[in-house]
Each structure stands twice: as C-alpha cells, then as structure tokens.
PDB file of N, CA and C in Angstrom:
ATOM      1  N   UNK A   1     100.927  21.354  12.359  1.00  0.00           N
ATOM      2  CA  UNK A   1      99.812  22.112  12.634  1.00  0.00           C
ATOM      3  C   UNK A   1      99.158  22.502  11.355  1.00  0.00           C
ATOM      4  N   UNK A   2      97.810  22.679  11.501  1.00  0.00           N
ATOM      5  CA  UNK A   2      97.132  23.001  10.319  1.00  0.00           C
ATOM      6  C   UNK A   2      96.675  21.859   9.409  1.00  0.00           C
ATOM      7  N   UNK A   3      97.196  20.607   9.636  1.00  0.00           N
ATOM      8  CA  UNK A   3      96.979  19.506   8.945  1.00  0.00           C
ATOM      9  C   UNK A   3      95.549  18.983   9.213  1.00  0.00           C
ATOM     10  N   UNK A   4      95.076  18.205   8.281  1.00  0.00           N
ATOM     11  CA  UNK A   4      93.711  17.556   8.505  1.00  0.00           C
ATOM     12  C   UNK A   4      93.857  16.466   9.561  1.00  0.00           C
ATOM     13  N   UNK A   5      92.937  16.279  10.427  1.00  0.00           N
ATOM     14  CA  UNK A   5      92.867  15.325  11.433  1.00  0.00           C
ATOM     15  C   UNK A   5      92.284  14.047  10.833  1.00  0.00           C
ATOM     16  N   UNK A   6      92.922  12.858  11.109  1.00  0.00           N
ATOM     17  CA  UNK A   6      92.477  11.585  10.560  1.00  0.00           C
ATOM     18  C   UNK A   6      92.615  10.601  11.559  1.00  0.00           C
ATOM     19  N   UNK A   7      91.705   9.545  11.587  1.00  0.00           N
ATOM     20  CA  UNK A   7      91.810   8.457  12.577  1.00  0.00           C
ATOM     21  C   UNK A   7      93.176   7.631  12.423  1.00  0.00           C
ATOM     22  N   UNK A   8      93.675   7.164  13.472  1.00  0.00           N
ATOM     23  CA  UNK A   8      94.911   6.473  13.388  1.00  0.00           C
ATOM     24  C   UNK A   8      94.735   5.169  14.191  1.00  0.00           C
ATOM     25  N   UNK A   9      95.405   4.131  13.703  1.00  0.00           N
ATOM     26  CA  UNK A   9      95.464   2.907  14.565  1.00  0.00           C
ATOM     27  C   UNK A   9      96.495   3.091  15.532  1.00  0.00           C
ATOM     28  N   UNK A  10      96.180   2.776  16.839  1.00  0.00           N
ATOM     29  CA  UNK A  10      97.061   2.995  18.000  1.00  0.00           C
ATOM     30  C   UNK A  10      97.736   1.645  18.314  1.00  0.00           C
ATOM     31  N   UNK A  11      98.935   1.518  18.282  1.00  0.00           N
ATOM     32  CA  UNK A  11      99.566   0.093  18.424  1.00  0.00           C
ATOM     33  C   UNK A  11      99.835  -0.181  19.987  1.00  0.00           C
ATOM     34  N   UNK A  12     100.256   1.007  20.673  1.00  0.00           N
ATOM     35  CA  UNK A  12     100.609   0.814  22.059  1.00  0.00           C
ATOM     36  C   UNK A  12     100.394   2.159  22.838  1.00  0.00           C
ATOM     37  N   UNK A  13     100.001   2.025  24.177  1.00  0.00           N
ATOM     38  CA  UNK A  13      99.858   3.224  24.922  1.00  0.00           C
ATOM     39  C   UNK A  13     100.559   2.904  26.249  1.00  0.00           C
ATOM     40  N   UNK A  14     101.620   3.748  26.618  1.00  0.00           N
ATOM     41  CA  UNK A  14     102.298   3.500  27.845  1.00  0.00           C
ATOM     42  C   UNK A  14     102.165   4.853  28.593  1.00  0.00           C
ATOM     43  N   UNK A  15     102.316   4.810  29.914  1.00  0.00           N
ATOM     44  CA  UNK A  15     102.338   5.951  30.759  1.00  0.00           C
ATOM     45  C   UNK A  15     103.233   5.837  31.886  1.00  0.00           C
ATOM     46  N   UNK A  16     103.470   6.956  32.441  1.00  0.00           N
ATOM     47  CA  UNK A  16     104.330   7.079  33.661  1.00  0.00           C
ATOM     48  C   UNK A  16     103.711   8.224  34.485  1.00  0.00           C
ATOM     49  N   UNK A  17     103.956   8.191  35.887  1.00  0.00           N
ATOM     50  CA  UNK A  17     103.458   9.158  36.723  1.00  0.00           C
ATOM     51  C   UNK A  17     104.228   9.179  38.033  1.00  0.00           C
ATOM     52  N   UNK A  18     104.115  10.394  38.763  1.00  0.00           N
ATOM     53  CA  UNK A  18     104.789  10.484  39.927  1.00  0.00           C
ATOM     54  C   UNK A  18     104.367  11.813  40.574  1.00  0.00           C
ATOM     55  N   UNK A  19     104.740  12.054  41.925  1.00  0.00           N
ATOM     56  CA  UNK A  19     104.468  13.275  42.574  1.00  0.00           C
ATOM     57  C   UNK A  19     105.425  14.395  42.006  1.00  0.00           C
ATOM     58  N   UNK A  20     104.816  15.519  41.810  1.00  0.00           N
ATOM     59  CA  UNK A  20     105.622  16.686  41.302  1.00  0.00           C
ATOM     60  C   UNK A  20     106.784  17.019  42.258  1.00  0.00           C
ATOM     61  N   UNK A  21     106.605  16.791  43.562  1.00  0.00           N
ATOM     62  CA  UNK A  21     107.617  17.195  44.477  1.00  0.00           C
ATOM     63  C   UNK A  21     108.466  15.917  44.969  1.00  0.00           C
ATOM     64  N   UNK A  22     108.617  14.889  44.152  1.00  0.00           N
ATOM     65  CA  UNK A  22     109.342  13.763  44.586  1.00  0.00           C
ATOM     66  C   UNK A  22     110.048  13.085  43.472  1.00  0.00           C
ATOM     67  N   UNK A  23     110.743  12.031  43.647  1.00  0.00           N
ATOM     68  CA  UNK A  23     111.516  11.329  42.760  1.00  0.00           C
ATOM     69  C   UNK A  23     110.921  10.071  42.245  1.00  0.00           C
ATOM     70  N   UNK A  24     109.739   9.604  42.880  1.00  0.00           N
ATOM     71  CA  UNK A  24     109.091   8.457  42.512  1.00  0.00           C
ATOM     72  C   UNK A  24     108.506   8.523  41.111  1.00  0.00           C
ATOM     73  N   UNK A  25     108.786   7.470  40.301  1.00  0.00           N
ATOM     74  CA  UNK A  25     108.183   7.319  38.934  1.00  0.00           C
ATOM     75  C   UNK A  25     107.585   5.875  38.818  1.00  0.00           C
ATOM     76  N   UNK A  26     106.377   5.932  38.550  1.00  0.00           N
ATOM     77  CA  UNK A  26     105.543   4.683  38.334  1.00  0.00           C
ATOM     78  C   UNK A  26     105.242   4.565  36.798  1.00  0.00           C
ATOM     79  N   UNK A  27     105.449   3.329  36.220  1.00  0.00           N
ATOM     80  CA  UNK A  27     105.217   3.129  34.824  1.00  0.00           C
ATOM     81  C   UNK A  27     104.172   2.012  34.612  1.00  0.00           C
ATOM     82  N   UNK A  28     103.430   2.074  33.619  1.00  0.00           N
ATOM     83  CA  UNK A  28     102.490   1.130  33.124  1.00  0.00           C
ATOM     84  C   UNK A  28     102.219   1.076  31.651  1.00  0.00           C
ATOM     85  N   UNK A  29     101.459   0.086  31.213  1.00  0.00           N
ATOM     86  CA  UNK A  29     101.037  -0.140  29.904  1.00  0.00           C
ATOM     87  C   UNK A  29      99.551  -0.155  29.804  1.00  0.00           C
ATOM     88  N   UNK A  30      98.832   0.603  29.134  1.00  0.00           N
ATOM     89  CA  UNK A  30      97.418   0.582  29.068  1.00  0.00           C
ATOM     90  C   UNK A  30      96.862  -0.543  28.154  1.00  0.00           C
ATOM     91  N   UNK A  31      95.824  -1.024  28.294  1.00  0.00           N
ATOM     92  CA  UNK A  31      95.218  -2.122  27.601  1.00  0.00           C
ATOM     93  C   UNK A  31      94.028  -1.613  26.901  1.00  0.00           C
ATOM     94  N   UNK A  32      93.864  -2.166  25.550  1.00  0.00           N
ATOM     95  CA  UNK A  32      92.759  -1.652  24.790  1.00  0.00           C
ATOM     96  C   UNK A  32      91.381  -2.115  25.353  1.00  0.00           C
ATOM     97  N   UNK A  33      90.344  -1.308  25.166  1.00  0.00           N
ATOM     98  CA  UNK A  33      89.089  -1.649  25.813  1.00  0.00           C
ATOM     99  C   UNK A  33      88.273  -2.275  24.700  1.00  0.00           C
ATOM    100  N   UNK A  34      87.740  -3.515  24.920  1.00  0.00           N
ATOM    101  CA  UNK A  34      87.074  -4.317  23.880  1.00  0.00           C
ATOM    102  C   UNK A  34      85.699  -3.478  23.411  1.00  0.00           C
ATOM    103  N   UNK A  35      85.424  -3.458  22.169  1.00  0.00           N
ATOM    104  CA  UNK A  35      84.318  -2.848  21.615  1.00  0.00           C
ATOM    105  C   UNK A  35      84.334  -1.320  21.830  1.00  0.00           C
ATOM    106  N   UNK A  36      85.462  -0.773  21.962  1.00  0.00           N
ATOM    107  CA  UNK A  36      85.607   0.636  22.120  1.00  0.00           C
ATOM    108  C   UNK A  36      86.776   1.112  21.354  1.00  0.00           C
ATOM    109  N   UNK A  37      86.649   1.373  20.054  1.00  0.00           N
ATOM    110  CA  UNK A  37      87.785   1.716  19.262  1.00  0.00           C
ATOM    111  C   UNK A  37      88.579   2.964  19.755  1.00  0.00           C
ATOM    112  N   UNK A  38      89.839   2.800  19.785  1.00  0.00           N
ATOM    113  CA  UNK A  38      90.831   3.798  20.186  1.00  0.00           C
ATOM    114  C   UNK A  38      90.623   4.204  21.735  1.00  0.00           C
ATOM    115  N   UNK A  39      90.163   3.210  22.426  1.00  0.00           N
ATOM    116  CA  UNK A  39      90.096   3.520  23.960  1.00  0.00           C
ATOM    117  C   UNK A  39      90.907   2.529  24.746  1.00  0.00           C
ATOM    118  N   UNK A  40      91.590   3.006  25.710  1.00  0.00           N
ATOM    119  CA  UNK A  40      92.513   2.274  26.414  1.00  0.00           C
ATOM    120  C   UNK A  40      92.405   2.669  28.007  1.00  0.00           C
ATOM    121  N   UNK A  41      92.690   1.573  28.772  1.00  0.00           N
ATOM    122  CA  UNK A  41      92.728   1.950  30.191  1.00  0.00           C
ATOM    123  C   UNK A  41      93.872   1.221  30.935  1.00  0.00           C
ATOM    124  N   UNK A  42      94.285   1.858  32.015  1.00  0.00           N
ATOM    125  CA  UNK A  42      95.360   1.322  32.807  1.00  0.00           C
ATOM    126  C   UNK A  42      95.327   1.905  34.219  1.00  0.00           C
ATOM    127  N   UNK A  43      95.669   1.138  35.166  1.00  0.00           N
ATOM    128  CA  UNK A  43      95.575   1.413  36.492  1.00  0.00           C
ATOM    129  C   UNK A  43      96.497   2.550  37.042  1.00  0.00           C
ATOM    130  N   UNK A  44      96.016   3.524  37.807  1.00  0.00           N
ATOM    131  CA  UNK A  44      96.820   4.629  38.325  1.00  0.00           C
ATOM    132  C   UNK A  44      96.419   4.760  39.802  1.00  0.00           C
ATOM    133  N   UNK A  45      97.498   4.698  40.593  1.00  0.00           N
ATOM    134  CA  UNK A  45      97.222   4.706  42.019  1.00  0.00           C
ATOM    135  C   UNK A  45      98.046   5.901  42.661  1.00  0.00           C
ATOM    136  N   UNK A  46      97.262   6.814  43.225  1.00  0.00           N
ATOM    137  CA  UNK A  46      98.120   8.020  43.954  1.00  0.00           C
ATOM    138  C   UNK A  46      98.085   7.688  45.473  1.00  0.00           C
ATOM    139  N   UNK A  47      99.251   7.518  45.983  1.00  0.00           N
ATOM    140  CA  UNK A  47      99.452   7.095  47.354  1.00  0.00           C
ATOM    141  C   UNK A  47      99.434   8.226  48.372  1.00  0.00           C
ATOM    142  N   UNK A  48      99.301   9.457  47.863  1.00  0.00           N
ATOM    143  CA  UNK A  48      99.157  10.598  48.797  1.00  0.00           C
ATOM    144  C   UNK A  48      98.653  11.733  47.971  1.00  0.00           C
ATOM    145  N   UNK A  49      98.269  12.759  48.767  1.00  0.00           N
ATOM    146  CA  UNK A  49      97.627  14.054  48.086  1.00  0.00           C
ATOM    147  C   UNK A  49      98.859  14.803  47.612  1.00  0.00           C
ATOM    148  N   UNK A  50      98.447  15.798  46.915  1.00  0.00           N
ATOM    149  CA  UNK A  50      99.400  16.686  46.218  1.00  0.00           C
ATOM    150  C   UNK A  50      99.234  16.803  44.816  1.00  0.00           C
ATOM    151  N   UNK A  51     100.266  17.535  44.100  1.00  0.00           N
ATOM    152  CA  UNK A  51     100.181  17.581  42.659  1.00  0.00           C
ATOM    153  C   UNK A  51     101.073  16.431  42.109  1.00  0.00           C
ATOM    154  N   UNK A  52     100.492  15.778  41.128  1.00  0.00           N
ATOM    155  CA  UNK A  52     101.198  14.709  40.432  1.00  0.00           C
ATOM    156  C   UNK A  52     101.222  14.916  38.821  1.00  0.00           C
ATOM    157  N   UNK A  53     102.362  14.537  38.279  1.00  0.00           N
ATOM    158  CA  UNK A  53     102.347  14.599  36.836  1.00  0.00           C
ATOM    159  C   UNK A  53     102.073  13.291  36.176  1.00  0.00           C
ATOM    160  N   UNK A  54     101.478  13.194  35.033  1.00  0.00           N
ATOM    161  CA  UNK A  54     101.236  12.076  34.207  1.00  0.00           C
ATOM    162  C   UNK A  54     101.755  12.299  32.793  1.00  0.00           C
ATOM    163  N   UNK A  55     102.468  11.351  32.270  1.00  0.00           N
ATOM    164  CA  UNK A  55     102.938  11.303  30.958  1.00  0.00           C
ATOM    165  C   UNK A  55     102.372  10.111  30.114  1.00  0.00           C
ATOM    166  N   UNK A  56     101.634  10.431  29.050  1.00  0.00           N
ATOM    167  CA  UNK A  56     101.073   9.341  28.184  1.00  0.00           C
ATOM    168  C   UNK A  56     101.776   9.370  26.831  1.00  0.00           C
ATOM    169  N   UNK A  57     102.171   8.137  26.391  1.00  0.00           N
ATOM    170  CA  UNK A  57     102.861   8.047  25.175  1.00  0.00           C
ATOM    171  C   UNK A  57     102.077   7.079  24.232  1.00  0.00           C
ATOM    172  N   UNK A  58     101.785   7.625  22.921  1.00  0.00           N
ATOM    173  CA  UNK A  58     101.142   6.731  22.047  1.00  0.00           C
ATOM    174  C   UNK A  58     102.101   6.416  20.872  1.00  0.00           C
ATOM    175  N   UNK A  59     101.973   5.120  20.561  1.00  0.00           N
ATOM    176  CA  UNK A  59     102.811   4.576  19.385  1.00  0.00           C
ATOM    177  C   UNK A  59     101.899   4.061  18.354  1.00  0.00           C
ATOM    178  N   UNK A  60     102.305   4.414  17.123  1.00  0.00           N
ATOM    179  CA  UNK A  60     101.467   4.029  15.906  1.00  0.00           C
ATOM    180  C   UNK A  60     102.249   3.957  14.769  1.00  0.00           C
ATOM    181  N   UNK A  61     102.372   2.693  14.097  1.00  0.00           N
ATOM    182  CA  UNK A  61     102.969   2.553  12.801  1.00  0.00           C
ATOM    183  C   UNK A  61     104.512   3.119  12.835  1.00  0.00           C
ATOM    184  N   UNK A  62     105.185   2.840  13.932  1.00  0.00           N
ATOM    185  CA  UNK A  62     106.504   3.302  14.070  1.00  0.00           C
ATOM    186  C   UNK A  62     106.871   4.795  14.491  1.00  0.00           C
ATOM    187  N   UNK A  63     105.753   5.521  14.701  1.00  0.00           N
ATOM    188  CA  UNK A  63     105.804   6.865  15.155  1.00  0.00           C
ATOM    189  C   UNK A  63     105.283   6.945  16.532  1.00  0.00           C
ATOM    190  N   UNK A  64     105.676   7.963  17.284  1.00  0.00           N
ATOM    191  CA  UNK A  64     105.129   8.067  18.648  1.00  0.00           C
ATOM    192  C   UNK A  64     105.076   9.604  18.986  1.00  0.00           C
ATOM    193  N   UNK A  65     104.223   9.866  19.996  1.00  0.00           N
ATOM    194  CA  UNK A  65     104.023  11.170  20.548  1.00  0.00           C
ATOM    195  C   UNK A  65     103.662  11.077  21.951  1.00  0.00           C
ATOM    196  N   UNK A  66     103.868  12.129  22.758  1.00  0.00           N
ATOM    197  CA  UNK A  66     103.494  12.079  24.216  1.00  0.00           C
ATOM    198  C   UNK A  66     102.972  13.351  24.609  1.00  0.00           C
ATOM    199  N   UNK A  67     102.273  13.274  25.753  1.00  0.00           N
ATOM    200  CA  UNK A  67     101.730  14.517  26.406  1.00  0.00           C
ATOM    201  C   UNK A  67     102.030  14.338  27.938  1.00  0.00           C
ATOM    202  N   UNK A  68     102.249  15.439  28.455  1.00  0.00           N
ATOM    203  CA  UNK A  68     102.586  15.464  30.012  1.00  0.00           C
ATOM    204  C   UNK A  68     101.653  16.493  30.644  1.00  0.00           C
ATOM    205  N   UNK A  69     101.012  16.162  31.668  1.00  0.00           N
ATOM    206  CA  UNK A  69     100.219  17.185  32.410  1.00  0.00           C
ATOM    207  C   UNK A  69     100.192  16.932  33.913  1.00  0.00           C
ATOM    208  N   UNK A  70      99.706  17.776  34.661  1.00  0.00           N
ATOM    209  CA  UNK A  70      99.667  17.654  36.141  1.00  0.00           C
ATOM    210  C   UNK A  70      98.264  17.657  36.501  1.00  0.00           C
ATOM    211  N   UNK A  71      98.000  16.974  37.714  1.00  0.00           N
ATOM    212  CA  UNK A  71      96.732  16.886  38.247  1.00  0.00           C
ATOM    213  C   UNK A  71      96.770  17.047  39.805  1.00  0.00           C
ATOM    214  N   UNK A  72      95.794  17.685  40.318  1.00  0.00           N
ATOM    215  CA  UNK A  72      95.818  17.809  41.877  1.00  0.00           C
ATOM    216  C   UNK A  72      95.123  16.617  42.352  1.00  0.00           C
ATOM    217  N   UNK A  73      95.651  15.956  43.464  1.00  0.00           N
ATOM    218  CA  UNK A  73      95.108  14.833  44.075  1.00  0.00           C
ATOM    219  C   UNK A  73      94.669  15.213  45.468  1.00  0.00           C
ATOM    220  N   UNK A  74      93.359  15.096  45.863  1.00  0.00           N
ATOM    221  CA  UNK A  74      92.865  15.542  47.046  1.00  0.00           C
ATOM    222  C   UNK A  74      92.374  14.266  47.897  1.00  0.00           C
ATOM    223  N   UNK A  75      92.203  14.374  49.143  1.00  0.00           N
ATOM    224  CA  UNK A  75      91.715  13.325  49.975  1.00  0.00           C
ATOM    225  C   UNK A  75      90.305  12.828  49.418  1.00  0.00           C
ATOM    226  N   UNK A  76      90.051  11.538  49.587  1.00  0.00           N
ATOM    227  CA  UNK A  76      88.677  11.120  49.289  1.00  0.00           C
ATOM    228  C   UNK A  76      87.699  11.413  50.379  1.00  0.00           C
ATOM    229  N   UNK A  77      86.488  11.446  49.955  1.00  0.00           N
ATOM    230  CA  UNK A  77      85.485  11.755  51.055  1.00  0.00           C
ATOM    231  C   UNK A  77      85.101  10.454  51.875  1.00  0.00           C
TER     232      UNK A  77
END
C-alpha cells in the first residue's frame, strides 16, 4: 500500500465462478484482446439466477494476485 502504481505485463489471466449457494465451480482462462493492451476476455455463463461469486487471478513475471467478488444474476428481458 502507498506504493507507486506502474504498468505491468500480464502473462496469464484465469478465473473461476459459481453460485454462492452451491458447490458448482466453473474455471476458465481469459485470452488477450488484440490491439487492446492489458485487456482480456473470457466466456462466463450463468445458468440460473441468484448471487454468483467470481474469482480472477493475474500472473505476471512469477508473481500472482487475485480478487473475488459477488454479482447478482437476474432473468433477462
């Protein structure tokens, strides 16, 4: 904390997700987006409504970090 922020080369982005109230865990690896530095994308499919958790892991030069958060999933219109 308190350190200067600096750009980093991201080597790999992986993610996992599942319903908060269940045991299902789905994993994936994001792919770099061409011509968009430090931008990645990966498919996520929510097969039911409710609260879901998502964990994203970044790897760079032998170091890694992750963040986990929850999102509400509601029916489509």
